[in-house]
């Protein structure tokens, strides 16, 4: 089964492709099929993911998978949330992972409550009008480190310190990170849902 991934993020594509391989699915980035990016006007992950999946399914006629993910910092009332990718731009920096990390560490200075969650919401549709979208949420709680550590991963991985591993996501081997990340947890749940709902019984 070919599924269009409603994202142009190559890191996300590689991560999800590996996780969906057991289903015999091939994920194709929407850019490779000429799909324009969907607007994301909503304040929740699920609404944005649903919009992105519908847009990709509409343009391609394929089943679609979309992920909306972000960092939810307790001290900021759950923000940056859906604005995670553009976090740095609020503080005069250019958009980008390194600037996002820099801006976050600056905003967290002197902050003792460093608890945060990485959240990934995956939505899958068989068609743009699918009345029963599959929804899977993955969540990992950790602490914002005081400086970046590690070189694996992307986004806020270098400052997301995970107590159960005693390391940041960016310090973990890729396969360990993928299995335990917010996206990894959401993908595992989504694979189980697709097996149950979309694939013929063996």
Foldseek 3Di string as FASTA:
>chain_A
DEAEELDPDVVLQVLLQVLLVVVVYHYHYLVVVVQDHFDQPDQAFVVSQLRSQLSSQVSPVAKYKYKQKAKQWVVVVGPPHNCQQVQLVVVPDDGFQVSSLVVVLVVCVVPPRFKMKIKMWMWIARHSVRPDIDIFMFIAIAGFANDFDAQDDTHSQRGGQHVVVRHGLRNDDPVVSLCRPRVNRRSVVVSVVCVVPPDDDD
